[in-house]
Amino acid sequence: MTPISYRLPQQRNLVTSLPGPRSAALTTRRKAAVAAGVGSSVPVYVADADGGVIVDVDGNSLIDLGSGIAVTSVGASHPAVAAAVAEQAAHFTHTCFMVTPYEGYVRVAEELAALTPGQHDKRTVLFNSGAEAVENAIKVARLATGKTAVVAFDHAYHGRTNLTMALTAKSMPYKANFGPFAPEVYRMPMSYPYRDEAGLTGEQAAQRVISRMEAQIGADSLAAIIIEPVQGEGGFIVPAPGFLGTLAEWARQREVVFIADEVQTGFARTGAWFASEHEDIVPDIITMAKGIAGGMPLAAITGRADLLDEVHPGGLGGTYGGNPVACAAALATLDVMRELDLPARAREIEAAVMPKLHALAAETGVIGDVRGRGAMIAIELVRPGTSEPDPVLTKAVAAEALSRGVVLLTCGTYGNVIRLLPPLVISDELLADGLSVLADVLREQTR
């Protein structure tokens, strides 16, 4: 790993039980001020964060294995990103690119054209969130093709707006009682190697989808296929080899826009700049957010110029989209990722973590599957001797790990997946300590 200088000590250190008294007091204030519909998985309040640690308001130092859901890949306060934010804010914080544009937006678009897969002519539009990026990718596909239907997949997560809820598979908590949803969205089966029938190849799983699309929708009505190359909230599901490529080739032949939702997988997280690269996929449009700007709100779609330029002036944009401070943060973040070779660091994390998790699976008998790419890794917890999901154990493991100073995130359609998303700049020692805590908790919970 490239040597990194940290501002805060990179160690786990608890000085109170969790949550501490100041966090508890903030929870009381929160209940009186913040809507109940906004949840938090961890009941501690942050005062500082750097590298792989979060320091709460009570002075506890926690190991961060969540990165704000894959956002703070370069750490939550990398000095280069913080300096870029401060410098830009000292000049101007906003003018609206649609009124008086600025170079930062153009530079980010140039960077994304160079980084995303494919050598074709590309265009980019910047937004604030992953959901916005997805919504606009669908808008572009529908306008450019003159077609309306969109295919999404089982276990997919694409956002919490009306259209992205329609694309998202899981009902609770994302969709329950929020309908009706946007029409002309069709759900297809995902390649889920752990739960698919034995021996089903990626190509066969894709042909299953293709036959249903042709029978139920028809390529003449289908504007786009949208898919996460590695599903995120649905359980870090890595499709079988050949699944993505077969679908992308079918879409190309039928003039269906193939959209890769790389909001969680993008920007070095999986060991490549984009997860599409693992399967040699060149999407027509890529949606991006999360890791793009070191924690500042920024999102993007980058895609074929002939698609994006089809949209009339004023048809894409937003008041804050491509905010100048967020653009400055993104440019600094990308520089850090290149300087530290964070795609390679993600592969190092995978090499360090995977053997330990496989050994833990053999020892405990409750890990049905270990999967992921790079620093996007998960374990699926099941009842011993079965493939039956065990969400109760999953919740208990995350809670006990937190009590010992390790922040873990859960996910999965069945609520039985623990996902590991450490900052890519986490030290080897801190990562090893976090994994040790996870292993101890799993052993104790399954005795």
Protein backbone atom coordinates (compact mmCIF):
# COMPACT_ATOMS: atom_id res chain seq x y z
CA MET A 1 0.00 0.00 0.00
CA THR A 2 1.22 3.52 -0.82
CA PRO A 3 2.15 5.29 2.46
CA ILE A 4 -0.58 7.66 3.63
CA SER A 5 -0.39 10.38 6.27
CA TYR A 6 -3.41 10.46 8.56
CA ARG A 7 -4.64 13.38 10.63
CA LEU A 8 -6.28 11.21 13.30
CA PRO A 9 -4.84 8.12 15.02
CA GLN A 10 -5.89 5.08 13.03
CA GLN A 11 -7.02 2.89 15.89
CA ARG A 12 -10.17 1.62 17.55
CA ASN A 13 -10.64 3.14 20.99
CA LEU A 14 -13.78 3.14 23.13
CA VAL A 15 -14.01 5.48 26.10
CA THR A 16 -17.75 5.03 26.75
CA SER A 17 -20.35 2.41 26.02
CA LEU A 18 -22.22 3.04 22.76
CA PRO A 19 -24.09 5.22 22.37
CA GLY A 20 -22.32 7.56 24.77
CA PRO A 21 -24.11 10.29 26.76
CA ARG A 22 -23.64 13.03 24.16
CA SER A 23 -24.90 10.81 21.36
CA ALA A 24 -27.86 9.82 23.51
CA ALA A 25 -28.66 13.48 24.14
CA LEU A 26 -28.51 14.20 20.42
CA THR A 27 -30.89 11.33 19.77
CA THR A 28 -33.39 12.98 22.12
CA ARG A 29 -33.04 16.29 20.28
CA ARG A 30 -33.30 14.53 16.94
CA LYS A 31 -36.64 12.90 17.82
CA ALA A 32 -38.10 16.33 18.46
CA ALA A 33 -36.75 17.88 15.25
CA VAL A 34 -36.07 15.29 12.52
CA ALA A 35 -38.78 13.35 10.71
CA ALA A 36 -39.07 9.72 11.83
CA GLY A 37 -38.85 8.52 8.23
CA VAL A 38 -35.13 9.34 8.15
CA GLY A 39 -33.42 6.35 9.71
CA SER A 40 -29.85 5.82 10.92
CA SER A 41 -28.32 2.38 11.31
CA VAL A 42 -25.76 3.52 13.89
CA PRO A 43 -26.89 5.47 17.01
CA VAL A 44 -23.69 7.52 17.44
CA TYR A 45 -23.07 11.05 16.22
CA VAL A 46 -19.90 11.99 14.38
CA ALA A 47 -17.52 14.74 15.46
CA ASP A 48 -14.55 13.91 13.23
CA ALA A 49 -13.43 11.33 10.67
CA ASP A 50 -10.24 10.58 8.78
CA GLY A 51 -8.80 7.61 6.92
CA GLY A 52 -10.53 4.54 8.29
CA VAL A 53 -11.82 5.95 11.59
CA ILE A 54 -14.88 7.84 12.78
CA VAL A 55 -14.67 9.75 16.08
CA ASP A 56 -18.00 10.36 17.78
CA VAL A 57 -19.09 13.25 19.97
CA ASP A 58 -18.17 11.25 23.09
CA GLY A 59 -14.59 10.70 21.92
CA ASN A 60 -14.95 7.08 20.81
CA SER A 61 -12.87 6.10 17.79
CA LEU A 62 -14.68 3.58 15.57
CA ILE A 63 -13.43 1.55 12.61
CA ASP A 64 -15.35 2.61 9.51
CA LEU A 65 -16.22 -0.36 7.29
CA GLY A 66 -19.03 1.49 5.54
CA SER A 67 -17.49 4.65 4.00
CA GLY A 68 -20.85 6.43 4.16
CA ILE A 69 -22.16 3.70 1.80
CA ALA A 70 -19.14 3.71 -0.53
CA VAL A 71 -18.77 7.50 -0.64
CA THR A 72 -15.63 8.35 1.32
CA SER A 73 -13.26 6.09 -0.60
CA VAL A 74 -10.39 8.58 -0.13
CA GLY A 75 -11.37 9.13 3.50
CA ALA A 76 -13.85 11.54 5.01
CA SER A 77 -11.44 14.48 5.21
CA HIS A 78 -8.61 13.94 2.76
CA PRO A 79 -6.47 17.11 2.90
CA ALA A 80 -6.35 17.53 -0.89
CA VAL A 81 -10.14 17.36 -1.13
CA ALA A 82 -10.63 19.67 1.85
CA ALA A 83 -8.20 22.19 0.37
CA ALA A 84 -9.92 22.12 -3.01
CA VAL A 85 -13.29 22.71 -1.37
CA ALA A 86 -11.94 25.63 0.67
CA GLU A 87 -10.23 27.25 -2.29
CA GLN A 88 -13.29 27.05 -4.52
CA ALA A 89 -15.64 28.24 -1.77
CA ALA A 90 -13.43 31.29 -1.26
CA HIS A 91 -14.08 32.31 -4.88
CA PHE A 92 -17.72 31.35 -5.46
CA THR A 93 -20.01 28.64 -4.14
CA HIS A 94 -22.66 28.82 -6.86
CA THR A 95 -23.67 30.57 -10.04
CA CYS A 96 -25.72 27.76 -11.68
CA PHE A 97 -24.04 26.20 -14.70
CA MET A 98 -27.23 26.75 -16.70
CA VAL A 99 -26.88 30.53 -16.19
CA THR A 100 -23.20 31.44 -15.95
CA PRO A 101 -21.04 28.32 -16.52
CA TYR A 102 -17.57 27.62 -15.16
CA GLU A 103 -14.54 25.52 -16.04
CA GLY A 104 -14.83 23.02 -13.18
CA TYR A 105 -17.96 21.46 -14.68
CA VAL A 106 -16.26 21.12 -18.06
CA ARG A 107 -13.14 19.59 -16.50
CA VAL A 108 -15.18 16.97 -14.62
CA ALA A 109 -16.97 16.07 -17.86
CA GLU A 110 -13.62 15.72 -19.63
CA GLU A 111 -12.31 13.47 -16.84
CA LEU A 112 -15.36 11.22 -16.99
CA ALA A 113 -15.12 10.89 -20.76
CA ALA A 114 -11.53 9.69 -20.34
CA LEU A 115 -12.18 7.36 -17.37
CA THR A 116 -15.39 5.57 -18.38
CA PRO A 117 -15.18 2.44 -20.58
CA GLY A 118 -15.03 2.83 -24.36
CA GLN A 119 -13.22 5.10 -26.79
CA HIS A 120 -16.37 6.46 -28.44
CA ASP A 121 -17.45 10.12 -28.44
CA LYS A 122 -19.08 10.87 -25.06
CA ARG A 123 -21.08 13.57 -23.33
CA THR A 124 -21.71 14.16 -19.61
CA VAL A 125 -24.35 15.87 -17.48
CA LEU A 126 -23.82 16.52 -13.76
CA PHE A 127 -26.43 16.21 -11.01
CA ASN A 128 -26.62 15.99 -7.21
CA SER A 129 -27.51 12.38 -6.39
CA GLY A 130 -27.50 8.89 -7.79
CA ALA A 131 -31.29 8.88 -8.07
CA GLU A 132 -31.16 12.04 -10.18
CA ALA A 133 -28.57 10.45 -12.43
CA VAL A 134 -30.73 7.35 -12.92
CA GLU A 135 -33.86 9.40 -13.63
CA ASN A 136 -32.04 11.40 -16.27
CA ALA A 137 -30.44 8.37 -17.87
CA ILE A 138 -33.93 6.96 -18.39
CA LYS A 139 -35.12 10.30 -19.76
CA VAL A 140 -32.29 10.31 -22.30
CA ALA A 141 -32.93 6.70 -23.35
CA ARG A 142 -36.65 7.28 -23.85
CA LEU A 143 -36.21 10.48 -25.82
CA ALA A 144 -33.36 9.20 -27.97
CA THR A 145 -35.07 5.92 -28.88
CA GLY A 146 -38.66 7.10 -29.01
CA LYS A 147 -39.58 4.06 -26.90
CA THR A 148 -40.94 3.91 -23.34
CA ALA A 149 -40.42 0.53 -21.67
CA VAL A 150 -37.54 0.01 -19.22
CA VAL A 151 -36.23 -3.27 -17.78
CA ALA A 152 -34.81 -3.47 -14.26
CA PHE A 153 -33.90 -6.55 -12.24
CA ASP A 154 -34.76 -8.53 -9.14
CA HIS A 155 -32.81 -7.28 -6.08
CA ALA A 156 -32.07 -3.94 -7.81
CA TYR A 157 -31.73 -0.65 -5.97
CA HIS A 158 -31.76 2.58 -7.97
CA GLY A 159 -33.08 5.28 -5.58
CA ARG A 160 -36.01 6.72 -3.65
CA THR A 161 -37.66 9.10 -6.15
CA ASN A 162 -40.86 7.96 -7.85
CA LEU A 163 -39.24 6.58 -11.01
CA THR A 164 -36.27 5.08 -9.17
CA MET A 165 -38.60 3.44 -6.64
CA ALA A 166 -40.33 1.81 -9.60
CA LEU A 167 -36.93 0.52 -10.73
CA THR A 168 -35.99 -0.64 -7.22
CA ALA A 169 -37.06 -4.17 -6.33
CA LYS A 170 -37.30 -4.19 -2.53
CA SER A 171 -40.57 -2.96 -1.05
CA MET A 172 -39.73 -2.32 2.60
CA PRO A 173 -38.54 0.28 3.43
CA TYR A 174 -38.08 1.85 0.00
CA LYS A 175 -41.46 1.46 -1.73
CA ALA A 176 -44.06 0.45 0.85
CA ASN A 177 -47.14 2.73 0.68
CA PHE A 178 -45.45 5.29 -1.62
CA GLY A 179 -47.19 4.28 -4.86
CA PRO A 180 -48.47 4.51 -7.48
CA PHE A 181 -45.14 4.33 -9.27
CA ALA A 182 -43.99 5.36 -12.73
CA PRO A 183 -45.34 3.03 -15.43
CA GLU A 184 -43.63 1.00 -18.14
CA VAL A 185 -41.05 -0.56 -15.82
CA TYR A 186 -40.61 -4.34 -16.13
CA ARG A 187 -38.80 -6.62 -13.67
CA MET A 188 -36.54 -9.43 -14.86
CA PRO A 189 -34.64 -12.19 -12.97
CA MET A 190 -31.10 -11.36 -11.92
CA SER A 191 -28.19 -13.77 -12.14
CA TYR A 192 -27.68 -14.69 -8.47
CA PRO A 193 -25.16 -17.56 -8.47
CA TYR A 194 -25.67 -18.50 -4.82
CA ARG A 195 -29.44 -18.87 -5.20
CA ASP A 196 -29.79 -19.84 -8.87
CA GLU A 197 -30.31 -23.44 -9.82
CA ALA A 198 -27.04 -25.39 -9.85
CA GLY A 199 -25.09 -25.20 -13.07
CA LEU A 200 -26.89 -22.20 -14.53
CA THR A 201 -24.31 -20.20 -16.49
CA GLY A 202 -24.31 -16.47 -16.97
CA GLU A 203 -25.19 -16.88 -20.63
CA GLN A 204 -28.12 -19.14 -19.76
CA ALA A 205 -29.37 -16.71 -17.12
CA ALA A 206 -29.18 -13.91 -19.68
CA GLN A 207 -31.05 -15.96 -22.28
CA ARG A 208 -33.79 -16.51 -19.70
CA VAL A 209 -34.11 -12.73 -19.43
CA ILE A 210 -33.95 -12.19 -23.19
CA SER A 211 -36.73 -14.68 -23.90
CA ARG A 212 -38.97 -12.95 -21.35
CA MET A 213 -38.18 -9.48 -22.70
CA GLU A 214 -38.97 -10.55 -26.23
CA ALA A 215 -42.19 -12.27 -25.20
CA GLN A 216 -43.50 -9.77 -22.66
CA ILE A 217 -42.25 -6.42 -23.99
CA GLY A 218 -40.67 -6.64 -27.42
CA ALA A 219 -37.49 -4.86 -28.45
CA ASP A 220 -39.51 -2.37 -30.50
CA SER A 221 -41.03 -1.03 -27.26
CA LEU A 222 -37.96 -1.30 -25.03
CA ALA A 223 -36.00 1.90 -24.48
CA ALA A 224 -33.44 0.71 -21.95
CA ILE A 225 -32.06 -2.00 -19.73
CA ILE A 226 -30.65 -0.69 -16.45
CA ILE A 227 -28.51 -2.87 -14.21
CA GLU A 228 -25.91 -2.61 -11.46
CA PRO A 229 -22.80 -4.56 -12.57
CA VAL A 230 -22.55 -5.63 -8.93
CA GLN A 231 -25.84 -5.13 -7.13
CA GLY A 232 -25.51 -2.98 -4.04
CA GLU A 233 -28.43 -2.74 -1.62
CA GLY A 234 -29.80 -6.01 -3.02
CA GLY A 235 -26.91 -7.93 -1.46
CA PHE A 236 -23.64 -7.29 -3.34
CA ILE A 237 -24.69 -9.84 -5.93
CA VAL A 238 -22.03 -10.50 -8.56
CA PRO A 239 -23.70 -11.97 -11.66
CA ALA A 240 -22.27 -15.09 -13.24
CA PRO A 241 -19.66 -14.45 -15.95
CA GLY A 242 -21.27 -13.85 -19.32
CA PHE A 243 -24.56 -12.53 -17.95
CA LEU A 244 -23.82 -8.84 -18.46
CA GLY A 245 -22.04 -9.32 -21.76
CA THR A 246 -24.84 -11.36 -23.28
CA LEU A 247 -27.44 -8.78 -22.27
CA ALA A 248 -25.32 -5.88 -23.51
CA GLU A 249 -24.79 -7.54 -26.89
CA TRP A 250 -28.50 -8.27 -27.29
CA ALA A 251 -29.29 -4.65 -26.40
CA ARG A 252 -26.76 -3.36 -28.94
CA GLN A 253 -28.24 -5.45 -31.72
CA ARG A 254 -31.82 -4.35 -30.89
CA GLU A 255 -31.03 -0.63 -30.40
CA VAL A 256 -31.92 -0.82 -26.71
CA VAL A 257 -29.90 1.53 -24.48
CA PHE A 258 -27.76 -0.43 -22.00
CA ILE A 259 -27.39 1.60 -18.77
CA ALA A 260 -24.86 0.53 -16.14
CA ASP A 261 -25.78 1.92 -12.74
CA GLU A 262 -22.32 2.38 -11.25
CA VAL A 263 -23.42 4.69 -8.43
CA GLN A 264 -22.01 2.33 -5.79
CA THR A 265 -19.49 0.37 -7.87
CA GLY A 266 -17.74 3.25 -9.59
CA PHE A 267 -14.45 5.02 -8.86
CA ALA A 268 -12.03 2.24 -7.89
CA ARG A 269 -14.39 0.50 -5.48
CA THR A 270 -14.31 -2.92 -7.20
CA GLY A 271 -10.63 -2.90 -8.18
CA ALA A 272 -11.22 -1.18 -11.52
CA TRP A 273 -12.32 2.37 -12.22
CA PHE A 274 -15.73 0.93 -13.08
CA ALA A 275 -17.17 -2.52 -12.41
CA SER A 276 -18.26 -2.82 -16.06
CA GLU A 277 -14.59 -3.28 -16.92
CA HIS A 278 -14.47 -6.67 -15.18
CA GLU A 279 -16.80 -8.07 -17.85
CA ASP A 280 -15.42 -5.96 -20.72
CA ILE A 281 -18.76 -4.14 -20.97
CA VAL A 282 -18.99 -0.75 -22.69
CA PRO A 283 -22.34 0.67 -21.56
CA ASP A 284 -24.25 3.18 -23.65
CA ILE A 285 -24.75 5.28 -20.49
CA ILE A 286 -23.15 5.04 -17.05
CA THR A 287 -24.72 6.57 -13.95
CA MET A 288 -22.30 7.69 -11.22
CA ALA A 289 -22.33 9.32 -7.77
CA LYS A 290 -21.10 8.31 -4.27
CA GLY A 291 -17.29 7.99 -4.58
CA ILE A 292 -16.99 10.65 -7.27
CA ALA A 293 -16.35 13.66 -5.03
CA GLY A 294 -14.96 12.55 -1.69
CA GLY A 295 -18.22 13.15 0.17
CA MET A 296 -19.53 16.22 -1.62
CA PRO A 297 -22.91 15.82 -3.38
CA LEU A 298 -22.24 15.17 -7.04
CA ALA A 299 -23.56 12.70 -9.60
CA ALA A 300 -23.23 12.24 -13.33
CA ILE A 301 -24.35 10.43 -16.41
CA THR A 302 -21.78 9.85 -19.11
CA GLY A 303 -22.79 8.23 -22.35
CA ARG A 304 -22.75 8.09 -26.10
CA ALA A 305 -22.74 11.55 -27.63
CA ASP A 306 -25.42 10.64 -30.14
CA LEU A 307 -27.78 9.76 -27.28
CA LEU A 308 -27.16 12.66 -24.94
CA ASP A 309 -26.96 15.28 -27.69
CA GLU A 310 -30.38 14.18 -28.91
CA VAL A 311 -31.94 15.98 -25.94
CA HIS A 312 -33.07 19.56 -26.61
CA PRO A 313 -31.33 22.43 -24.73
CA GLY A 314 -32.89 22.84 -21.30
CA GLY A 315 -34.11 19.25 -21.19
CA LEU A 316 -31.34 18.25 -18.78
CA GLY A 317 -29.90 20.05 -15.78
CA GLY A 318 -30.86 21.39 -12.37
CA THR A 319 -30.15 24.39 -10.19
CA TYR A 320 -27.36 22.76 -8.18
CA GLY A 321 -26.23 20.10 -10.64
CA GLY A 322 -22.46 20.26 -11.02
CA ASN A 323 -22.08 22.73 -8.15
CA PRO A 324 -18.62 24.37 -8.41
CA VAL A 325 -17.52 23.31 -4.92
CA ALA A 326 -18.55 19.71 -5.61
CA CYS A 327 -16.73 19.80 -8.95
CA ALA A 328 -13.56 21.01 -7.24
CA ALA A 329 -13.87 18.16 -4.75
CA ALA A 330 -14.34 15.65 -7.58
CA LEU A 331 -11.25 16.82 -9.44
CA ALA A 332 -9.17 16.57 -6.26
CA THR A 333 -10.66 13.16 -5.44
CA LEU A 334 -9.79 11.76 -8.87
CA ASP A 335 -6.24 13.08 -8.52
CA VAL A 336 -5.90 11.31 -5.15
CA MET A 337 -7.27 8.08 -6.59
CA ARG A 338 -4.70 8.17 -9.37
CA GLU A 339 -1.84 9.22 -7.11
CA LEU A 340 -2.52 6.40 -4.63
CA ASP A 341 -3.61 3.92 -7.34
CA LEU A 342 -6.78 3.13 -5.44
CA PRO A 343 -8.02 0.55 -7.96
CA ALA A 344 -4.93 -1.47 -7.05
CA ARG A 345 -5.55 -0.79 -3.36
CA ALA A 346 -9.09 -2.17 -3.71
CA ARG A 347 -7.62 -5.36 -5.16
CA GLU A 348 -5.20 -5.55 -2.23
CA ILE A 349 -8.13 -5.27 0.18
CA GLU A 350 -9.93 -8.08 -1.65
CA ALA A 351 -6.83 -10.28 -1.43
CA ALA A 352 -6.54 -9.61 2.30
CA VAL A 353 -10.21 -10.02 3.20
CA MET A 354 -11.50 -12.89 1.06
CA PRO A 355 -9.34 -15.71 2.51
CA LYS A 356 -10.27 -14.70 6.06
CA LEU A 357 -13.98 -14.68 5.25
CA HIS A 358 -13.81 -18.05 3.50
CA ALA A 359 -12.03 -19.50 6.54
CA LEU A 360 -14.68 -17.98 8.80
CA ALA A 361 -17.41 -19.52 6.65
CA ALA A 362 -15.90 -22.97 7.02
CA GLU A 363 -15.50 -22.49 10.77
CA THR A 364 -18.93 -21.10 11.68
CA GLY A 365 -21.26 -22.82 9.22
CA VAL A 366 -23.55 -19.78 8.98
CA ILE A 367 -21.98 -18.00 6.00
CA GLY A 368 -23.73 -19.32 2.92
CA ASP A 369 -21.77 -17.20 0.46
CA VAL A 370 -18.73 -14.95 0.36
CA ARG A 371 -18.74 -12.66 -2.67
CA GLY A 372 -17.78 -9.31 -4.10
CA ARG A 373 -15.08 -7.49 -5.99
CA GLY A 374 -12.30 -5.28 -4.73
CA ALA A 375 -13.34 -3.45 -1.57
CA MET A 376 -17.02 -4.26 -2.14
CA ILE A 377 -17.34 -7.57 -0.29
CA ALA A 378 -20.21 -9.32 1.46
CA ILE A 379 -21.12 -12.39 3.47
CA GLU A 380 -24.61 -13.85 3.27
CA LEU A 381 -25.72 -15.31 6.60
CA VAL A 382 -27.97 -18.38 6.66
CA ARG A 383 -29.26 -20.89 9.15
CA PRO A 384 -26.78 -23.75 9.62
CA GLY A 385 -27.04 -26.50 7.05
CA THR A 386 -29.46 -24.57 4.86
CA SER A 387 -29.60 -21.62 2.48
CA GLU A 388 -32.43 -20.07 4.50
CA PRO A 389 -31.67 -16.38 5.16
CA ASP A 390 -30.94 -15.41 8.76
CA PRO A 391 -31.71 -11.69 9.16
CA VAL A 392 -31.89 -11.99 12.95
CA LEU A 393 -28.29 -13.16 13.18
CA THR A 394 -27.24 -10.50 10.68
CA LYS A 395 -28.75 -7.73 12.76
CA ALA A 396 -27.24 -9.12 15.96
CA VAL A 397 -23.75 -9.34 14.45
CA ALA A 398 -23.85 -5.74 13.23
CA ALA A 399 -25.11 -4.49 16.60
CA GLU A 400 -22.48 -6.40 18.61
CA ALA A 401 -19.70 -5.28 16.27
CA LEU A 402 -20.76 -1.68 16.81
CA SER A 403 -20.67 -2.15 20.59
CA ARG A 404 -17.00 -3.08 20.12
CA GLY A 405 -16.23 -0.12 17.88
CA VAL A 406 -16.72 -1.40 14.33
CA VAL A 407 -19.27 0.12 11.95
CA LEU A 408 -20.78 -2.54 9.68
CA LEU A 409 -23.59 -2.14 7.14
CA THR A 410 -26.22 -4.73 6.35
CA CYS A 411 -28.16 -5.16 3.11
CA GLY A 412 -29.86 -7.74 0.92
CA THR A 413 -33.37 -8.45 -0.24
CA TYR A 414 -33.73 -10.83 2.73
CA GLY A 415 -31.88 -8.62 5.22
CA ASN A 416 -29.18 -11.26 5.74
CA VAL A 417 -26.08 -9.76 4.16
CA ILE A 418 -23.21 -7.96 5.89
CA ARG A 419 -21.35 -5.74 3.46
CA LEU A 420 -17.81 -4.50 3.83
CA LEU A 421 -17.10 -1.13 2.21
CA PRO A 422 -13.96 0.18 3.91
CA PRO A 423 -12.40 3.43 2.76
CA LEU A 424 -9.80 2.53 0.17
CA VAL A 425 -7.24 4.43 2.23
CA ILE A 426 -7.78 2.31 5.35
CA SER A 427 -4.54 1.02 6.86
CA ASP A 428 -3.78 -2.69 6.78
CA GLU A 429 -3.64 -2.78 10.57
CA LEU A 430 -7.02 -1.10 11.04
CA LEU A 431 -8.65 -3.34 8.45
CA ALA A 432 -7.24 -6.42 10.16
CA ASP A 433 -8.57 -5.23 13.52
CA GLY A 434 -12.04 -4.69 12.08
CA LEU A 435 -12.07 -8.15 10.53
CA SER A 436 -10.90 -9.64 13.81
CA VAL A 437 -13.85 -8.09 15.62
CA LEU A 438 -16.26 -9.38 12.97
CA ALA A 439 -14.80 -12.88 13.29
CA ASP A 440 -14.98 -12.85 17.10
CA VAL A 441 -18.59 -11.69 17.05
CA LEU A 442 -19.64 -14.33 14.52
CA ARG A 443 -17.95 -17.08 16.50
CA GLU A 444 -19.65 -15.98 19.72
CA GLN A 445 -23.07 -15.58 18.11
CA THR A 446 -22.94 -19.07 16.59
CA ARG A 447 -21.62 -21.15 19.48
